[in-house]
Amino acid sequence: ANGLGIEALKREYRVLSDSVHHLLK
């Protein structure tokens, strides 16, 4: 998932990655 996020960033997409627990907290 992280690697796919980095690929998206390289293509200038906006990405937010977090654990569900941390994001909701």
mmCIF file of all heavy atoms, coordinates in Angstrom:
data_MODEL
# 
_entry.id   MODEL 
# 
loop_
_atom_site.group_PDB 
_atom_site.id 
_atom_site.type_symbol 
_atom_site.label_atom_id 
_atom_site.label_alt_id 
_atom_site.label_comp_id 
_atom_site.label_asym_id 
_atom_site.label_entity_id 
_atom_site.label_seq_id 
_atom_site.pdbx_PDB_ins_code 
_atom_site.Cartn_x 
_atom_site.Cartn_y 
_atom_site.Cartn_z 
_atom_site.occupancy 
_atom_site.B_iso_or_equiv 
_atom_site.pdbx_formal_charge 
_atom_site.auth_seq_id 
_atom_site.auth_comp_id 
_atom_site.auth_asym_id 
_atom_site.auth_atom_id 
_atom_site.pdbx_PDB_model_num 
ATOM 1   N N   . ALA A 1 1  ? 0.840   -1.203 0.000   1.00 0.00 ? 1  ALA A N   1 
ATOM 2   C CA  . ALA A 1 1  ? 0.000   0.000  0.000   1.00 0.00 ? 1  ALA A CA  1 
ATOM 3   C C   . ALA A 1 1  ? 0.871   1.247  0.000   1.00 0.00 ? 1  ALA A C   1 
ATOM 4   O O   . ALA A 1 1  ? 0.622   2.199  -0.754  1.00 0.00 ? 1  ALA A O   1 
ATOM 5   C CB  . ALA A 1 1  ? -0.941  -0.008 1.199   1.00 0.00 ? 1  ALA A CB  1 
ATOM 6   N N   . ASN A 1 2  ? 1.901   1.255  0.823   1.00 0.00 ? 2  ASN A N   1 
ATOM 7   C CA  . ASN A 1 2  ? 2.822   2.386  0.903   1.00 0.00 ? 2  ASN A CA  1 
ATOM 8   C C   . ASN A 1 2  ? 3.538   2.583  -0.432  1.00 0.00 ? 2  ASN A C   1 
ATOM 9   O O   . ASN A 1 2  ? 3.669   3.701  -0.925  1.00 0.00 ? 2  ASN A O   1 
ATOM 10  C CB  . ASN A 1 2  ? 3.840   2.155  2.020   1.00 0.00 ? 2  ASN A CB  1 
ATOM 11  C CG  . ASN A 1 2  ? 4.633   3.396  2.337   1.00 0.00 ? 2  ASN A CG  1 
ATOM 12  O OD1 . ASN A 1 2  ? 4.233   4.182  3.174   1.00 0.00 ? 2  ASN A OD1 1 
ATOM 13  N ND2 . ASN A 1 2  ? 5.762   3.585  1.668   1.00 0.00 ? 2  ASN A ND2 1 
ATOM 14  N N   . GLY A 1 3  ? 3.995   1.487  -1.023  1.00 0.00 ? 3  GLY A N   1 
ATOM 15  C CA  . GLY A 1 3  ? 4.680   1.564  -2.311  1.00 0.00 ? 3  GLY A CA  1 
ATOM 16  C C   . GLY A 1 3  ? 3.777   2.124  -3.400  1.00 0.00 ? 3  GLY A C   1 
ATOM 17  O O   . GLY A 1 3  ? 4.204   2.930  -4.233  1.00 0.00 ? 3  GLY A O   1 
ATOM 18  N N   . LEU A 1 4  ? 2.512   1.726  -3.392  1.00 0.00 ? 4  LEU A N   1 
ATOM 19  C CA  . LEU A 1 4  ? 1.561   2.272  -4.357  1.00 0.00 ? 4  LEU A CA  1 
ATOM 20  C C   . LEU A 1 4  ? 1.310   3.759  -4.094  1.00 0.00 ? 4  LEU A C   1 
ATOM 21  O O   . LEU A 1 4  ? 1.134   4.542  -5.027  1.00 0.00 ? 4  LEU A O   1 
ATOM 22  C CB  . LEU A 1 4  ? 0.249   1.483  -4.324  1.00 0.00 ? 4  LEU A CB  1 
ATOM 23  C CG  . LEU A 1 4  ? 0.340   0.052  -4.868  1.00 0.00 ? 4  LEU A CG  1 
ATOM 24  C CD1 . LEU A 1 4  ? -0.946  -0.712 -4.577  1.00 0.00 ? 4  LEU A CD1 1 
ATOM 25  C CD2 . LEU A 1 4  ? 0.656   0.048  -6.361  1.00 0.00 ? 4  LEU A CD2 1 
ATOM 26  N N   . GLY A 1 5  ? 1.319   4.132  -2.824  1.00 0.00 ? 5  GLY A N   1 
ATOM 27  C CA  . GLY A 1 5  ? 1.195   5.547  -2.473  1.00 0.00 ? 5  GLY A CA  1 
ATOM 28  C C   . GLY A 1 5  ? 2.359   6.365  -3.014  1.00 0.00 ? 5  GLY A C   1 
ATOM 29  O O   . GLY A 1 5  ? 2.164   7.462  -3.545  1.00 0.00 ? 5  GLY A O   1 
ATOM 30  N N   . ILE A 1 6  ? 3.564   5.832  -2.907  1.00 0.00 ? 6  ILE A N   1 
ATOM 31  C CA  . ILE A 1 6  ? 4.746   6.531  -3.416  1.00 0.00 ? 6  ILE A CA  1 
ATOM 32  C C   . ILE A 1 6  ? 4.678   6.656  -4.939  1.00 0.00 ? 6  ILE A C   1 
ATOM 33  O O   . ILE A 1 6  ? 5.015   7.701  -5.510  1.00 0.00 ? 6  ILE A O   1 
ATOM 34  C CB  . ILE A 1 6  ? 6.039   5.839  -2.948  1.00 0.00 ? 6  ILE A CB  1 
ATOM 35  C CG1 . ILE A 1 6  ? 6.199   6.059  -1.443  1.00 0.00 ? 6  ILE A CG1 1 
ATOM 36  C CG2 . ILE A 1 6  ? 7.255   6.360  -3.711  1.00 0.00 ? 6  ILE A CG2 1 
ATOM 37  C CD1 . ILE A 1 6  ? 7.347   5.323  -0.802  1.00 0.00 ? 6  ILE A CD1 1 
ATOM 38  N N   . GLU A 1 7  ? 4.208   5.602  -5.604  1.00 0.00 ? 7  GLU A N   1 
ATOM 39  C CA  . GLU A 1 7  ? 4.041   5.676  -7.065  1.00 0.00 ? 7  GLU A CA  1 
ATOM 40  C C   . GLU A 1 7  ? 3.043   6.771  -7.430  1.00 0.00 ? 7  GLU A C   1 
ATOM 41  O O   . GLU A 1 7  ? 3.234   7.491  -8.409  1.00 0.00 ? 7  GLU A O   1 
ATOM 42  C CB  . GLU A 1 7  ? 3.602   4.322  -7.623  1.00 0.00 ? 7  GLU A CB  1 
ATOM 43  C CG  . GLU A 1 7  ? 4.673   3.251  -7.554  1.00 0.00 ? 7  GLU A CG  1 
ATOM 44  C CD  . GLU A 1 7  ? 5.954   3.618  -8.284  1.00 0.00 ? 7  GLU A CD  1 
ATOM 45  O OE1 . GLU A 1 7  ? 5.880   4.118  -9.425  1.00 0.00 ? 7  GLU A OE1 1 
ATOM 46  O OE2 . GLU A 1 7  ? 7.042   3.403  -7.709  1.00 0.00 ? 7  GLU A OE2 1 
ATOM 47  N N   . ALA A 1 8  ? 1.981   6.897  -6.655  1.00 0.00 ? 8  ALA A N   1 
ATOM 48  C CA  . ALA A 1 8  ? 0.992   7.957  -6.902  1.00 0.00 ? 8  ALA A CA  1 
ATOM 49  C C   . ALA A 1 8  ? 1.617   9.340  -6.685  1.00 0.00 ? 8  ALA A C   1 
ATOM 50  O O   . ALA A 1 8  ? 1.375   10.261 -7.471  1.00 0.00 ? 8  ALA A O   1 
ATOM 51  C CB  . ALA A 1 8  ? -0.217  7.762  -5.994  1.00 0.00 ? 8  ALA A CB  1 
ATOM 52  N N   . LEU A 1 9  ? 2.425   9.478  -5.643  1.00 0.00 ? 9  LEU A N   1 
ATOM 53  C CA  . LEU A 1 9  ? 3.101   10.754 -5.395  1.00 0.00 ? 9  LEU A CA  1 
ATOM 54  C C   . LEU A 1 9  ? 4.031   11.116 -6.549  1.00 0.00 ? 9  LEU A C   1 
ATOM 55  O O   . LEU A 1 9  ? 4.112   12.280 -6.942  1.00 0.00 ? 9  LEU A O   1 
ATOM 56  C CB  . LEU A 1 9  ? 3.899   10.684 -4.089  1.00 0.00 ? 9  LEU A CB  1 
ATOM 57  C CG  . LEU A 1 9  ? 3.079   10.707 -2.804  1.00 0.00 ? 9  LEU A CG  1 
ATOM 58  C CD1 . LEU A 1 9  ? 3.937   10.295 -1.614  1.00 0.00 ? 9  LEU A CD1 1 
ATOM 59  C CD2 . LEU A 1 9  ? 2.462   12.075 -2.581  1.00 0.00 ? 9  LEU A CD2 1 
ATOM 60  N N   . LYS A 1 10 ? 4.726   10.135 -7.098  1.00 0.00 ? 10 LYS A N   1 
ATOM 61  C CA  . LYS A 1 10 ? 5.627   10.387 -8.229  1.00 0.00 ? 10 LYS A CA  1 
ATOM 62  C C   . LYS A 1 10 ? 4.862   10.920 -9.431  1.00 0.00 ? 10 LYS A C   1 
ATOM 63  O O   . LYS A 1 10 ? 5.409   11.646 -10.249 1.00 0.00 ? 10 LYS A O   1 
ATOM 64  C CB  . LYS A 1 10 ? 6.356   9.106  -8.625  1.00 0.00 ? 10 LYS A CB  1 
ATOM 65  C CG  . LYS A 1 10 ? 7.420   8.669  -7.652  1.00 0.00 ? 10 LYS A CG  1 
ATOM 66  C CD  . LYS A 1 10 ? 8.034   7.367  -8.117  1.00 0.00 ? 10 LYS A CD  1 
ATOM 67  C CE  . LYS A 1 10 ? 9.045   6.832  -7.146  1.00 0.00 ? 10 LYS A CE  1 
ATOM 68  N NZ  . LYS A 1 10 ? 9.567   5.507  -7.577  1.00 0.00 ? 10 LYS A NZ  1 
ATOM 69  N N   . ARG A 1 11 ? 3.595   10.542 -9.530  1.00 0.00 ? 11 ARG A N   1 
ATOM 70  C CA  . ARG A 1 11 ? 2.754   11.001 -10.634 1.00 0.00 ? 11 ARG A CA  1 
ATOM 71  C C   . ARG A 1 11 ? 1.947   12.240 -10.243 1.00 0.00 ? 11 ARG A C   1 
ATOM 72  O O   . ARG A 1 11 ? 0.994   12.604 -10.908 1.00 0.00 ? 11 ARG A O   1 
ATOM 73  C CB  . ARG A 1 11 ? 1.837   9.870  -11.075 1.00 0.00 ? 11 ARG A CB  1 
ATOM 74  C CG  . ARG A 1 11 ? 2.609   8.791  -11.824 1.00 0.00 ? 11 ARG A CG  1 
ATOM 75  C CD  . ARG A 1 11 ? 1.863   7.477  -11.882 1.00 0.00 ? 11 ARG A CD  1 
ATOM 76  N NE  . ARG A 1 11 ? 2.605   6.465  -12.605 1.00 0.00 ? 11 ARG A NE  1 
ATOM 77  C CZ  . ARG A 1 11 ? 3.633   5.778  -12.128 1.00 0.00 ? 11 ARG A CZ  1 
ATOM 78  N NH1 . ARG A 1 11 ? 4.067   6.002  -10.899 1.00 0.00 ? 11 ARG A NH1 1 
ATOM 79  N NH2 . ARG A 1 11 ? 4.260   4.877  -12.860 1.00 0.00 ? 11 ARG A NH2 1 
ATOM 80  N N   . GLU A 1 12 ? 2.349   12.849 -9.134  1.00 0.00 ? 12 GLU A N   1 
ATOM 81  C CA  . GLU A 1 12 ? 1.792   14.107 -8.643  1.00 0.00 ? 12 GLU A CA  1 
ATOM 82  C C   . GLU A 1 12 ? 0.337   14.018 -8.204  1.00 0.00 ? 12 GLU A C   1 
ATOM 83  O O   . GLU A 1 12 ? -0.412  14.998 -8.257  1.00 0.00 ? 12 GLU A O   1 
ATOM 84  C CB  . GLU A 1 12 ? 2.009   15.237 -9.652  1.00 0.00 ? 12 GLU A CB  1 
ATOM 85  C CG  . GLU A 1 12 ? 3.496   15.473 -9.893  1.00 0.00 ? 12 GLU A CG  1 
ATOM 86  C CD  . GLU A 1 12 ? 3.802   16.736 -10.661 1.00 0.00 ? 12 GLU A CD  1 
ATOM 87  O OE1 . GLU A 1 12 ? 2.889   17.555 -10.878 1.00 0.00 ? 12 GLU A OE1 1 
ATOM 88  O OE2 . GLU A 1 12 ? 4.975   16.904 -11.014 1.00 0.00 ? 12 GLU A OE2 1 
ATOM 89  N N   . TYR A 1 13 ? -0.067  12.832 -7.734  1.00 0.00 ? 13 TYR A N   1 
ATOM 90  C CA  . TYR A 1 13 ? -1.367  12.703 -7.083  1.00 0.00 ? 13 TYR A CA  1 
ATOM 91  C C   . TYR A 1 13 ? -1.193  13.083 -5.622  1.00 0.00 ? 13 TYR A C   1 
ATOM 92  O O   . TYR A 1 13 ? -0.124  12.899 -5.038  1.00 0.00 ? 13 TYR A O   1 
ATOM 93  C CB  . TYR A 1 13 ? -1.887  11.261 -7.175  1.00 0.00 ? 13 TYR A CB  1 
ATOM 94  C CG  . TYR A 1 13 ? -2.353  10.867 -8.552  1.00 0.00 ? 13 TYR A CG  1 
ATOM 95  C CD1 . TYR A 1 13 ? -1.636  9.957  -9.308  1.00 0.00 ? 13 TYR A CD1 1 
ATOM 96  C CD2 . TYR A 1 13 ? -3.519  11.395 -9.086  1.00 0.00 ? 13 TYR A CD2 1 
ATOM 97  C CE1 . TYR A 1 13 ? -2.065  9.588  -10.577 1.00 0.00 ? 13 TYR A CE1 1 
ATOM 98  C CE2 . TYR A 1 13 ? -3.958  11.032 -10.343 1.00 0.00 ? 13 TYR A CE2 1 
ATOM 99  C CZ  . TYR A 1 13 ? -3.227  10.125 -11.086 1.00 0.00 ? 13 TYR A CZ  1 
ATOM 100 O OH  . TYR A 1 13 ? -3.663  9.768  -12.323 1.00 0.00 ? 13 TYR A OH  1 
ATOM 101 N N   . ARG A 1 14 ? -2.260  13.589 -5.017  1.00 0.00 ? 14 ARG A N   1 
ATOM 102 C CA  . ARG A 1 14 ? -2.245  13.902 -3.588  1.00 0.00 ? 14 ARG A CA  1 
ATOM 103 C C   . ARG A 1 14 ? -2.578  12.628 -2.824  1.00 0.00 ? 14 ARG A C   1 
ATOM 104 O O   . ARG A 1 14 ? -3.568  11.956 -3.124  1.00 0.00 ? 14 ARG A O   1 
ATOM 105 C CB  . ARG A 1 14 ? -3.260  14.992 -3.269  1.00 0.00 ? 14 ARG A CB  1 
ATOM 106 C CG  . ARG A 1 14 ? -2.926  16.331 -3.920  1.00 0.00 ? 14 ARG A CG  1 
ATOM 107 C CD  . ARG A 1 14 ? -4.094  17.270 -3.903  1.00 0.00 ? 14 ARG A CD  1 
ATOM 108 N NE  . ARG A 1 14 ? -5.182  16.634 -4.659  1.00 0.00 ? 14 ARG A NE  1 
ATOM 109 C CZ  . ARG A 1 14 ? -6.453  16.990 -4.580  1.00 0.00 ? 14 ARG A CZ  1 
ATOM 110 N NH1 . ARG A 1 14 ? -6.834  17.952 -3.783  1.00 0.00 ? 14 ARG A NH1 1 
ATOM 111 N NH2 . ARG A 1 14 ? -7.374  16.380 -5.289  1.00 0.00 ? 14 ARG A NH2 1 
ATOM 112 N N   . VAL A 1 15 ? -1.753  12.308 -1.825  1.00 0.00 ? 15 VAL A N   1 
ATOM 113 C CA  . VAL A 1 15 ? -1.886  11.051 -1.079  1.00 0.00 ? 15 VAL A CA  1 
ATOM 114 C C   . VAL A 1 15 ? -1.888  11.337 0.413   1.00 0.00 ? 15 VAL A C   1 
ATOM 115 O O   . VAL A 1 15 ? -1.147  12.201 0.891   1.00 0.00 ? 15 VAL A O   1 
ATOM 116 C CB  . VAL A 1 15 ? -0.717  10.092 -1.429  1.00 0.00 ? 15 VAL A CB  1 
ATOM 117 C CG1 . VAL A 1 15 ? -0.796  8.805  -0.615  1.00 0.00 ? 15 VAL A CG1 1 
ATOM 118 C CG2 . VAL A 1 15 ? -0.685  9.786  -2.919  1.00 0.00 ? 15 VAL A CG2 1 
ATOM 119 N N   . LEU A 1 16 ? -2.723  10.593 1.135   1.00 0.00 ? 16 LEU A N   1 
ATOM 120 C CA  . LEU A 1 16 ? -2.714  10.622 2.593   1.00 0.00 ? 16 LEU A CA  1 
ATOM 121 C C   . LEU A 1 16 ? -2.726  9.180  3.064   1.00 0.00 ? 16 LEU A C   1 
ATOM 122 O O   . LEU A 1 16 ? -3.586  8.400  2.666   1.00 0.00 ? 16 LEU A O   1 
ATOM 123 C CB  . LEU A 1 16 ? -3.932  11.365 3.142   1.00 0.00 ? 16 LEU A CB  1 
ATOM 124 C CG  . LEU A 1 16 ? -4.059  11.425 4.675   1.00 0.00 ? 16 LEU A CG  1 
ATOM 125 C CD1 . LEU A 1 16 ? -2.869  12.156 5.289   1.00 0.00 ? 16 LEU A CD1 1 
ATOM 126 C CD2 . LEU A 1 16 ? -5.363  12.101 5.067   1.00 0.00 ? 16 LEU A CD2 1 
ATOM 127 N N   . SER A 1 17 ? -1.746  8.822  3.884   1.00 0.00 ? 17 SER A N   1 
ATOM 128 C CA  . SER A 1 17 ? -1.625  7.463  4.388   1.00 0.00 ? 17 SER A CA  1 
ATOM 129 C C   . SER A 1 17 ? -1.558  7.486  5.905   1.00 0.00 ? 17 SER A C   1 
ATOM 130 O O   . SER A 1 17 ? -0.780  8.239  6.494   1.00 0.00 ? 17 SER A O   1 
ATOM 131 C CB  . SER A 1 17 ? -0.348  6.812  3.824   1.00 0.00 ? 17 SER A CB  1 
ATOM 132 O OG  . SER A 1 17 ? -0.197  5.511  4.334   1.00 0.00 ? 17 SER A OG  1 
ATOM 133 N N   . ASP A 1 18 ? -2.401  6.645  6.531   1.00 0.00 ? 18 ASP A N   1 
ATOM 134 C CA  . ASP A 1 18 ? -2.412  6.587  7.991   1.00 0.00 ? 18 ASP A CA  1 
ATOM 135 C C   . ASP A 1 18 ? -3.108  5.298  8.414   1.00 0.00 ? 18 ASP A C   1 
ATOM 136 O O   . ASP A 1 18 ? -3.866  4.710  7.631   1.00 0.00 ? 18 ASP A O   1 
ATOM 137 C CB  . ASP A 1 18 ? -3.157  7.792  8.565   1.00 0.00 ? 18 ASP A CB  1 
ATOM 138 C CG  . ASP A 1 18 ? -2.702  8.179  9.955   1.00 0.00 ? 18 ASP A CG  1 
ATOM 139 O OD1 . ASP A 1 18 ? -1.989  7.386  10.608  1.00 0.00 ? 18 ASP A OD1 1 
ATOM 140 O OD2 . ASP A 1 18 ? -3.073  9.282  10.412  1.00 0.00 ? 18 ASP A OD2 1 
ATOM 141 N N   . SER A 1 19 ? -2.882  4.893  9.651   1.00 0.00 ? 19 SER A N   1 
ATOM 142 C CA  . SER A 1 19 ? -3.643  3.759  10.177  1.00 0.00 ? 19 SER A CA  1 
ATOM 143 C C   . SER A 1 19 ? -5.064  4.253  10.442  1.00 0.00 ? 19 SER A C   1 
ATOM 144 O O   . SER A 1 19 ? -5.279  5.429  10.738  1.00 0.00 ? 19 SER A O   1 
ATOM 145 C CB  . SER A 1 19 ? -3.014  3.218  11.459  1.00 0.00 ? 19 SER A CB  1 
ATOM 146 O OG  . SER A 1 19 ? -3.218  4.128  12.521  1.00 0.00 ? 19 SER A OG  1 
ATOM 147 N N   . VAL A 1 20 ? -6.020  3.353  10.326  1.00 0.00 ? 20 VAL A N   1 
ATOM 148 C CA  . VAL A 1 20 ? -7.422  3.726  10.551  1.00 0.00 ? 20 VAL A CA  1 
ATOM 149 C C   . VAL A 1 20 ? -7.582  4.312  11.947  1.00 0.00 ? 20 VAL A C   1 
ATOM 150 O O   . VAL A 1 20 ? -8.200  5.364  12.126  1.00 0.00 ? 20 VAL A O   1 
ATOM 151 C CB  . VAL A 1 20 ? -8.351  2.499  10.354  1.00 0.00 ? 20 VAL A CB  1 
ATOM 152 C CG1 . VAL A 1 20 ? -9.768  2.813  10.788  1.00 0.00 ? 20 VAL A CG1 1 
ATOM 153 C CG2 . VAL A 1 20 ? -8.325  2.047  8.906   1.00 0.00 ? 20 VAL A CG2 1 
ATOM 154 N N   . HIS A 1 21 ? -6.998  3.634  12.935  1.00 0.00 ? 21 HIS A N   1 
ATOM 155 C CA  . HIS A 1 21 ? -7.124  4.072  14.326  1.00 0.00 ? 21 HIS A CA  1 
ATOM 156 C C   . HIS A 1 21 ? -6.585  5.493  14.501  1.00 0.00 ? 21 HIS A C   1 
ATOM 157 O O   . HIS A 1 21 ? -7.236  6.357  15.104  1.00 0.00 ? 21 HIS A O   1 
ATOM 158 C CB  . HIS A 1 21 ? -6.387  3.087  15.235  1.00 0.00 ? 21 HIS A CB  1 
ATOM 159 C CG  . HIS A 1 21 ? -6.367  3.492  16.668  1.00 0.00 ? 21 HIS A CG  1 
ATOM 160 N ND1 . HIS A 1 21 ? -7.476  3.425  17.472  1.00 0.00 ? 21 HIS A ND1 1 
ATOM 161 C CD2 . HIS A 1 21 ? -5.357  3.990  17.443  1.00 0.00 ? 21 HIS A CD2 1 
ATOM 162 C CE1 . HIS A 1 21 ? -7.159  3.859  18.682  1.00 0.00 ? 21 HIS A CE1 1 
ATOM 163 N NE2 . HIS A 1 21 ? -5.884  4.205  18.688  1.00 0.00 ? 21 HIS A NE2 1 
ATOM 164 N N   . HIS A 1 22 ? -5.384  5.753  13.963  1.00 0.00 ? 22 HIS A N   1 
ATOM 165 C CA  . HIS A 1 22 ? -4.742  7.057  14.130  1.00 0.00 ? 22 HIS A CA  1 
ATOM 166 C C   . HIS A 1 22 ? -5.505  8.143  13.374  1.00 0.00 ? 22 HIS A C   1 
ATOM 167 O O   . HIS A 1 22 ? -5.719  9.247  13.895  1.00 0.00 ? 22 HIS A O   1 
ATOM 168 C CB  . HIS A 1 22 ? -3.290  6.976  13.656  1.00 0.00 ? 22 HIS A CB  1 
ATOM 169 C CG  . HIS A 1 22 ? -2.468  8.152  14.027  1.00 0.00 ? 22 HIS A CG  1 
ATOM 170 N ND1 . HIS A 1 22 ? -2.073  9.087  13.104  1.00 0.00 ? 22 HIS A ND1 1 
ATOM 171 C CD2 . HIS A 1 22 ? -1.980  8.565  15.228  1.00 0.00 ? 22 HIS A CD2 1 
ATOM 172 C CE1 . HIS A 1 22 ? -1.373  10.018 13.707  1.00 0.00 ? 22 HIS A CE1 1 
ATOM 173 N NE2 . HIS A 1 22 ? -1.297  9.729  14.997  1.00 0.00 ? 22 HIS A NE2 1 
ATOM 174 N N   . LEU A 1 23 ? -5.931  7.857  12.170  1.00 0.00 ? 23 LEU A N   1 
ATOM 175 C CA  . LEU A 1 23 ? -6.669  8.829  11.374  1.00 0.00 ? 23 LEU A CA  1 
ATOM 176 C C   . LEU A 1 23 ? -7.964  9.242  12.071  1.00 0.00 ? 23 LEU A C   1 
ATOM 177 O O   . LEU A 1 23 ? -8.276  10.428 12.181  1.00 0.00 ? 23 LEU A O   1 
ATOM 178 C CB  . LEU A 1 23 ? -6.983  8.253  9.992   1.00 0.00 ? 23 LEU A CB  1 
ATOM 179 C CG  . LEU A 1 23 ? -7.746  9.200  9.072   1.00 0.00 ? 23 LEU A CG  1 
ATOM 180 C CD1 . LEU A 1 23 ? -6.782  9.950  8.171   1.00 0.00 ? 23 LEU A CD1 1 
ATOM 181 C CD2 . LEU A 1 23 ? -8.734  8.425  8.223   1.00 0.00 ? 23 LEU A CD2 1 
ATOM 182 N N   . LEU A 1 24 ? -8.708  8.252  12.564  1.00 0.00 ? 24 LEU A N   1 
ATOM 183 C CA  . LEU A 1 24 ? -9.985  8.551  13.222  1.00 0.00 ? 24 LEU A CA  1 
ATOM 184 C C   . LEU A 1 24 ? -9.777  9.239  14.566  1.00 0.00 ? 24 LEU A C   1 
ATOM 185 O O   . LEU A 1 24 ? -10.572 10.105 14.957  1.00 0.00 ? 24 LEU A O   1 
ATOM 186 C CB  . LEU A 1 24 ? -10.811 7.275  13.371  1.00 0.00 ? 24 LEU A CB  1 
ATOM 187 C CG  . LEU A 1 24 ? -11.258 6.647  12.042  1.00 0.00 ? 24 LEU A CG  1 
ATOM 188 C CD1 . LEU A 1 24 ? -11.912 5.301  12.284  1.00 0.00 ? 24 LEU A CD1 1 
ATOM 189 C CD2 . LEU A 1 24 ? -12.156 7.582  11.262  1.00 0.00 ? 24 LEU A CD2 1 
ATOM 190 N N   . LYS A 1 25 ? -8.704  8.870  15.253  1.00 0.00 ? 25 LYS A N   1 
ATOM 191 C CA  . LYS A 1 25 ? -8.385  9.536  16.525  1.00 0.00 ? 25 LYS A CA  1 
ATOM 192 C C   . LYS A 1 25 ? -8.068  11.012 16.281  1.00 0.00 ? 25 LYS A C   1 
ATOM 193 O O   . LYS A 1 25 ? -8.552  11.892 17.002  1.00 0.00 ? 25 LYS A O   1 
ATOM 194 C CB  . LYS A 1 25 ? -7.195  8.825  17.182  1.00 0.00 ? 25 LYS A CB  1 
ATOM 195 C CG  . LYS A 1 25 ? -6.857  9.319  18.572  1.00 0.00 ? 25 LYS A CG  1 
ATOM 196 C CD  . LYS A 1 25 ? -5.793  8.450  19.196  1.00 0.00 ? 25 LYS A CD  1 
ATOM 197 C CE  . LYS A 1 25 ? -4.542  9.260  19.315  1.00 0.00 ? 25 LYS A CE  1 
ATOM 198 N NZ  . LYS A 1 25 ? -3.393  8.545  19.849  1.00 0.00 ? 25 LYS A NZ  1 
# 
